[in-house]
Amino acid sequence: MKTNILTVLTTISISSFGFSLESNGIKNGYIQEKYGKHGTQNLNGMPSLSIPLKWNNAPKNTKSYALVMEDFDAIPVTGFSWIHWVSIIPANITELKENASLENKNIIQGVNSWVSTMGGLSKSDASHFGGPAPPDKDHTYSITLYALDKNLNLESGFYLNELYKEIEGHVLDKVTLKGIYKK
């Protein structure tokens, strides 16, 4: 069972085993505007200021983490869930500060959906956080952090399906945090 706790300053999600994920970039259930299309920082038109995240109580034998941020509300618009951020994080890191996607060289990042024909970016430009930009209505974004029992052998620019193949059978626990971004 998972518990979501909403506070004024931050939103926290806790797994049944106590693994928790929080962000002070989500207030009252909403992702702050600066982390998406209403913000001022972008990379070739893609919102690029990544949301801050912090986690606690990872399982004892955690060797690395995998992070996936997706927008399932994009399916009726694009035909697929929009991938916003895919990253591999070393076990000694328990926090990604604001803009870590562009500043933290210790994380390995995969390709987001901005590489698609709808986004139009190159693979290298799309291998970072690509912030929310809902075209039709407010969308809910899922940020899932997986605690893994192995170090992953993927290089920058990997695809989400490659990540899922690598982590199969190696997930110790996972926690999902959700936030809404306004159209």
C-alpha atoms as a PDB file:
ATOM      1  CA  MET A   1       0.000   0.000   0.000  1.00  0.00           C
ATOM      2  CA  LYS A   2       1.229   3.466  -0.858  1.00  0.00           C
ATOM      3  CA  THR A   3       0.427   6.637   1.048  1.00  0.00           C
ATOM      4  CA  ASN A   4       0.442  10.124  -0.432  1.00  0.00           C
ATOM      5  CA  ILE A   5       0.891  13.024   1.946  1.00  0.00           C
ATOM      6  CA  LEU A   6       0.189  16.512   0.647  1.00  0.00           C
ATOM      7  CA  THR A   7       1.596  19.489   2.500  1.00  0.00           C
ATOM      8  CA  VAL A   8       1.807  23.147   1.669  1.00  0.00           C
ATOM      9  CA  LEU A   9       5.602  23.131   1.181  1.00  0.00           C
ATOM     10  CA  THR A  10       6.183  19.803  -0.549  1.00  0.00           C
ATOM     11  CA  THR A  11       4.470  16.698  -1.826  1.00  0.00           C
ATOM     12  CA  ILE A  12       5.642  13.312  -0.546  1.00  0.00           C
ATOM     13  CA  SER A  13       4.896   9.783  -1.713  1.00  0.00           C
ATOM     14  CA  ILE A  14       5.817   6.780   0.459  1.00  0.00           C
ATOM     15  CA  SER A  15       5.955   3.104  -0.572  1.00  0.00           C
ATOM     16  CA  SER A  16       4.611   0.378   1.704  1.00  0.00           C
ATOM     17  CA  PHE A  17       8.210  -0.285   2.801  1.00  0.00           C
ATOM     18  CA  GLY A  18       8.903   3.359   3.725  1.00  0.00           C
ATOM     19  CA  PHE A  19      10.827   4.390   0.592  1.00  0.00           C
ATOM     20  CA  SER A  20       9.796   8.012   0.012  1.00  0.00           C
ATOM     21  CA  LEU A  21      10.036  10.567  -2.786  1.00  0.00           C
ATOM     22  CA  GLU A  22       9.303  14.257  -2.402  1.00  0.00           C
ATOM     23  CA  SER A  23       9.566  17.513  -4.287  1.00  0.00           C
ATOM     24  CA  ASN A  24       9.316  21.111  -3.156  1.00  0.00           C
ATOM     25  CA  GLY A  25       8.669  21.860  -6.844  1.00  0.00           C
ATOM     26  CA  ILE A  26       5.148  20.458  -6.418  1.00  0.00           C
ATOM     27  CA  LYS A  27       2.919  22.661  -4.290  1.00  0.00           C
ATOM     28  CA  ASN A  28      -0.647  21.771  -3.380  1.00  0.00           C
ATOM     29  CA  GLY A  29      -0.532  18.994  -5.978  1.00  0.00           C
ATOM     30  CA  TYR A  30       0.637  21.271  -8.815  1.00  0.00           C
ATOM     31  CA  ILE A  31       4.039  21.350 -10.476  1.00  0.00           C
ATOM     32  CA  GLN A  32       5.307  24.920 -10.327  1.00  0.00           C
ATOM     33  CA  GLU A  33       5.059  26.752 -13.645  1.00  0.00           C
ATOM     34  CA  LYS A  34       8.802  27.372 -13.958  1.00  0.00           C
ATOM     35  CA  TYR A  35       9.404  23.615 -14.568  1.00  0.00           C
ATOM     36  CA  GLY A  36       7.356  23.520 -17.773  1.00  0.00           C
ATOM     37  CA  LYS A  37       6.219  25.514 -20.788  1.00  0.00           C
ATOM     38  CA  HIS A  38       5.283  28.549 -18.664  1.00  0.00           C
ATOM     39  CA  GLY A  39       8.870  28.805 -17.374  1.00  0.00           C
ATOM     40  CA  THR A  40      11.673  30.812 -18.916  1.00  0.00           C
ATOM     41  CA  GLN A  41      14.410  28.171 -19.290  1.00  0.00           C
ATOM     42  CA  ASN A  42      14.352  26.003 -22.396  1.00  0.00           C
ATOM     43  CA  LEU A  43      16.618  24.049 -24.687  1.00  0.00           C
ATOM     44  CA  ASN A  44      15.653  24.580 -28.347  1.00  0.00           C
ATOM     45  CA  GLY A  45      12.032  25.112 -27.342  1.00  0.00           C
ATOM     46  CA  MET A  46      11.904  22.254 -24.794  1.00  0.00           C
ATOM     47  CA  PRO A  47      11.311  23.338 -21.174  1.00  0.00           C
ATOM     48  CA  SER A  48      14.554  22.295 -19.481  1.00  0.00           C
ATOM     49  CA  LEU A  49      14.551  23.418 -15.833  1.00  0.00           C
ATOM     50  CA  SER A  50      14.267  20.071 -14.047  1.00  0.00           C
ATOM     51  CA  ILE A  51      12.160  19.690 -10.939  1.00  0.00           C
ATOM     52  CA  PRO A  52      13.973  19.116  -7.621  1.00  0.00           C
ATOM     53  CA  LEU A  53      13.534  15.670  -6.051  1.00  0.00           C
ATOM     54  CA  LYS A  54      14.630  14.124  -2.773  1.00  0.00           C
ATOM     55  CA  TRP A  55      14.249  10.562  -1.492  1.00  0.00           C
ATOM     56  CA  ASN A  56      14.736   8.707   1.776  1.00  0.00           C
ATOM     57  CA  ASN A  57      14.656   5.203   3.253  1.00  0.00           C
ATOM     58  CA  ALA A  58      15.803   3.334   0.168  1.00  0.00           C
ATOM     59  CA  PRO A  59      16.185  -0.424   0.603  1.00  0.00           C
ATOM     60  CA  LYS A  60      19.448  -1.473   2.248  1.00  0.00           C
ATOM     61  CA  ASN A  61      21.024  -3.168  -0.802  1.00  0.00           C
ATOM     62  CA  THR A  62      20.306  -0.363  -3.292  1.00  0.00           C
ATOM     63  CA  LYS A  63      23.129  -0.104  -5.871  1.00  0.00           C
ATOM     64  CA  SER A  64      21.514   2.521  -8.143  1.00  0.00           C
ATOM     65  CA  TYR A  65      18.254   4.284  -8.960  1.00  0.00           C
ATOM     66  CA  ALA A  66      16.238   4.708 -12.138  1.00  0.00           C
ATOM     67  CA  LEU A  67      13.967   7.725 -12.573  1.00  0.00           C
ATOM     68  CA  VAL A  68      11.086   7.952 -15.049  1.00  0.00           C
ATOM     69  CA  MET A  69       8.765  10.938 -15.478  1.00  0.00           C
ATOM     70  CA  GLU A  70       5.794  10.323 -17.790  1.00  0.00           C
ATOM     71  CA  ASP A  71       2.565  11.978 -18.871  1.00  0.00           C
ATOM     72  CA  PHE A  72      -0.138   9.358 -19.451  1.00  0.00           C
ATOM     73  CA  ASP A  73      -2.684  12.135 -20.161  1.00  0.00           C
ATOM     74  CA  ALA A  74      -0.779  12.709 -23.415  1.00  0.00           C
ATOM     75  CA  ILE A  75      -2.056   9.430 -24.893  1.00  0.00           C
ATOM     76  CA  PRO A  76      -5.294  10.887 -26.396  1.00  0.00           C
ATOM     77  CA  VAL A  77      -3.279  13.767 -27.888  1.00  0.00           C
ATOM     78  CA  THR A  78      -0.111  12.028 -29.122  1.00  0.00           C
ATOM     79  CA  GLY A  79      -1.061   8.345 -29.242  1.00  0.00           C
ATOM     80  CA  PHE A  80       1.531   7.431 -26.585  1.00  0.00           C
ATOM     81  CA  SER A  81       2.554   8.387 -23.059  1.00  0.00           C
ATOM     82  CA  TRP A  82       4.978  11.301 -23.234  1.00  0.00           C
ATOM     83  CA  ILE A  83       8.332  10.589 -21.595  1.00  0.00           C
ATOM     84  CA  HIS A  84       9.705  13.687 -19.872  1.00  0.00           C
ATOM     85  CA  TRP A  85      12.739  12.401 -18.026  1.00  0.00           C
ATOM     86  CA  VAL A  86      14.634   9.115 -17.851  1.00  0.00           C
ATOM     87  CA  SER A  87      17.725   8.921 -15.702  1.00  0.00           C
ATOM     88  CA  ILE A  88      20.077   6.522 -13.946  1.00  0.00           C
ATOM     89  CA  ILE A  89      21.318   7.790 -10.596  1.00  0.00           C
ATOM     90  CA  PRO A  90      24.179   6.431  -8.462  1.00  0.00           C
ATOM     91  CA  ALA A  91      23.219   4.990  -5.052  1.00  0.00           C
ATOM     92  CA  ASN A  92      25.165   7.660  -3.155  1.00  0.00           C
ATOM     93  CA  ILE A  93      22.845  10.389  -4.473  1.00  0.00           C
ATOM     94  CA  THR A  94      19.559  10.928  -2.625  1.00  0.00           C
ATOM     95  CA  GLU A  95      18.617  14.307  -4.045  1.00  0.00           C
ATOM     96  CA  LEU A  96      18.449  15.980  -7.433  1.00  0.00           C
ATOM     97  CA  LYS A  97      18.512  19.729  -7.068  1.00  0.00           C
ATOM     98  CA  GLU A  98      16.632  22.073  -9.362  1.00  0.00           C
ATOM     99  CA  ASN A  99      18.186  21.975 -12.857  1.00  0.00           C
ATOM    100  CA  ALA A 100      20.122  18.758 -12.064  1.00  0.00           C
ATOM    101  CA  SER A 101      19.320  17.496 -15.544  1.00  0.00           C
ATOM    102  CA  LEU A 102      21.635  20.107 -17.049  1.00  0.00           C
ATOM    103  CA  GLU A 103      24.055  20.530 -14.143  1.00  0.00           C
ATOM    104  CA  ASN A 104      24.585  17.152 -12.450  1.00  0.00           C
ATOM    105  CA  LYS A 105      27.187  15.193 -14.444  1.00  0.00           C
ATOM    106  CA  ASN A 106      26.858  12.127 -12.166  1.00  0.00           C
ATOM    107  CA  ILE A 107      23.522  11.057 -13.636  1.00  0.00           C
ATOM    108  CA  ILE A 108      23.106   9.236 -16.952  1.00  0.00           C
ATOM    109  CA  GLN A 109      20.100  10.422 -18.932  1.00  0.00           C
ATOM    110  CA  GLY A 110      18.013   8.702 -21.528  1.00  0.00           C
ATOM    111  CA  VAL A 111      15.979  10.082 -24.388  1.00  0.00           C
ATOM    112  CA  ASN A 112      12.662  11.789 -23.731  1.00  0.00           C
ATOM    113  CA  SER A 113       9.733  12.121 -26.138  1.00  0.00           C
ATOM    114  CA  TRP A 114      10.903  15.498 -27.413  1.00  0.00           C
ATOM    115  CA  VAL A 115      13.021  13.409 -29.815  1.00  0.00           C
ATOM    116  CA  SER A 116       9.808  12.293 -31.576  1.00  0.00           C
ATOM    117  CA  THR A 117       8.542  13.947 -34.744  1.00  0.00           C
ATOM    118  CA  MET A 118       6.107  15.858 -32.515  1.00  0.00           C
ATOM    119  CA  GLY A 119       8.964  17.326 -30.441  1.00  0.00           C
ATOM    120  CA  GLY A 120      11.494  17.636 -33.233  1.00  0.00           C
ATOM    121  CA  LEU A 121      14.677  17.649 -31.150  1.00  0.00           C
ATOM    122  CA  SER A 122      17.898  15.769 -31.767  1.00  0.00           C
ATOM    123  CA  LYS A 123      18.721  12.738 -29.631  1.00  0.00           C
ATOM    124  CA  SER A 124      21.415  14.672 -27.731  1.00  0.00           C
ATOM    125  CA  ASP A 125      19.091  17.611 -26.981  1.00  0.00           C
ATOM    126  CA  ALA A 126      16.311  15.217 -25.906  1.00  0.00           C
ATOM    127  CA  SER A 127      18.600  13.335 -23.500  1.00  0.00           C
ATOM    128  CA  HIS A 128      17.682  15.670 -20.633  1.00  0.00           C
ATOM    129  CA  PHE A 129      14.615  16.682 -18.649  1.00  0.00           C
ATOM    130  CA  GLY A 130      11.895  17.847 -21.028  1.00  0.00           C
ATOM    131  CA  GLY A 131       9.368  19.735 -18.953  1.00  0.00           C
ATOM    132  CA  PRO A 132       5.580  19.612 -19.042  1.00  0.00           C
ATOM    133  CA  ALA A 133       3.813  21.319 -21.930  1.00  0.00           C
ATOM    134  CA  PRO A 134       0.227  20.025 -22.006  1.00  0.00           C
ATOM    135  CA  PRO A 135      -1.481  21.182 -25.224  1.00  0.00           C
ATOM    136  CA  ASP A 136      -5.125  20.466 -24.419  1.00  0.00           C
ATOM    137  CA  LYS A 137      -5.833  20.582 -20.659  1.00  0.00           C
ATOM    138  CA  ASP A 138      -4.129  20.185 -17.286  1.00  0.00           C
ATOM    139  CA  HIS A 139      -2.123  16.927 -17.229  1.00  0.00           C
ATOM    140  CA  THR A 140      -1.000  14.734 -14.339  1.00  0.00           C
ATOM    141  CA  TYR A 141       2.658  13.708 -14.395  1.00  0.00           C
ATOM    142  CA  SER A 142       3.990  10.551 -12.754  1.00  0.00           C
ATOM    143  CA  ILE A 143       7.540  10.584 -11.403  1.00  0.00           C
ATOM    144  CA  THR A 144       8.652   7.060 -10.487  1.00  0.00           C
ATOM    145  CA  LEU A 145      11.903   6.278  -8.719  1.00  0.00           C
ATOM    146  CA  TYR A 146      13.110   2.668  -8.733  1.00  0.00           C
ATOM    147  CA  ALA A 147      15.626   1.403  -6.152  1.00  0.00           C
ATOM    148  CA  LEU A 148      17.740  -1.245  -7.905  1.00  0.00           C
ATOM    149  CA  ASP A 149      19.989  -4.056  -6.714  1.00  0.00           C
ATOM    150  CA  LYS A 150      22.504  -3.529  -9.515  1.00  0.00           C
ATOM    151  CA  ASN A 151      24.393  -0.846 -11.396  1.00  0.00           C
ATOM    152  CA  LEU A 152      22.996  -0.368 -14.873  1.00  0.00           C
ATOM    153  CA  ASN A 153      25.099  -0.673 -18.006  1.00  0.00           C
ATOM    154  CA  LEU A 154      23.486   2.010 -20.176  1.00  0.00           C
ATOM    155  CA  GLU A 155      25.006   5.083 -21.770  1.00  0.00           C
ATOM    156  CA  SER A 156      23.623   8.565 -22.237  1.00  0.00           C
ATOM    157  CA  GLY A 157      20.893   8.604 -24.871  1.00  0.00           C
ATOM    158  CA  PHE A 158      19.391   5.219 -23.940  1.00  0.00           C
ATOM    159  CA  TYR A 159      15.707   4.562 -24.571  1.00  0.00           C
ATOM    160  CA  LEU A 160      13.048   3.813 -21.954  1.00  0.00           C
ATOM    161  CA  ASN A 161      12.512   0.271 -23.266  1.00  0.00           C
ATOM    162  CA  GLU A 162      16.226  -0.403 -22.778  1.00  0.00           C
ATOM    163  CA  LEU A 163      15.951   0.804 -19.190  1.00  0.00           C
ATOM    164  CA  TYR A 164      12.973  -1.463 -18.488  1.00  0.00           C
ATOM    165  CA  LYS A 165      14.870  -4.480 -19.883  1.00  0.00           C
ATOM    166  CA  GLU A 166      17.870  -3.668 -17.656  1.00  0.00           C
ATOM    167  CA  ILE A 167      15.858  -3.255 -14.454  1.00  0.00           C
ATOM    168  CA  GLU A 168      13.615  -6.306 -14.898  1.00  0.00           C
ATOM    169  CA  GLY A 169      14.067  -8.543 -11.868  1.00  0.00           C
ATOM    170  CA  HIS A 170      16.251  -5.951 -10.111  1.00  0.00           C
ATOM    171  CA  VAL A 171      13.701  -3.592  -8.531  1.00  0.00           C
ATOM    172  CA  LEU A 172      13.958  -3.618  -4.734  1.00  0.00           C
ATOM    173  CA  ASP A 173      11.222  -0.999  -4.308  1.00  0.00           C
ATOM    174  CA  LYS A 174       9.658   1.867  -6.197  1.00  0.00           C
ATOM    175  CA  VAL A 175       7.779   4.997  -5.310  1.00  0.00           C
ATOM    176  CA  THR A 176       5.684   7.287  -7.526  1.00  0.00           C
ATOM    177  CA  LEU A 177       5.038  10.975  -6.981  1.00  0.00           C
ATOM    178  CA  LYS A 178       2.364  12.762  -9.031  1.00  0.00           C
ATOM    179  CA  GLY A 179       1.856  16.396  -9.878  1.00  0.00           C
ATOM    180  CA  ILE A 180      -0.464  18.350 -12.161  1.00  0.00           C
ATOM    181  CA  TYR A 181       0.790  20.939 -14.628  1.00  0.00           C
ATOM    182  CA  LYS A 182      -1.622  23.611 -15.885  1.00  0.00           C
ATOM    183  CA  LYS A 183      -2.346  24.054 -19.568  1.00  0.00           C
END
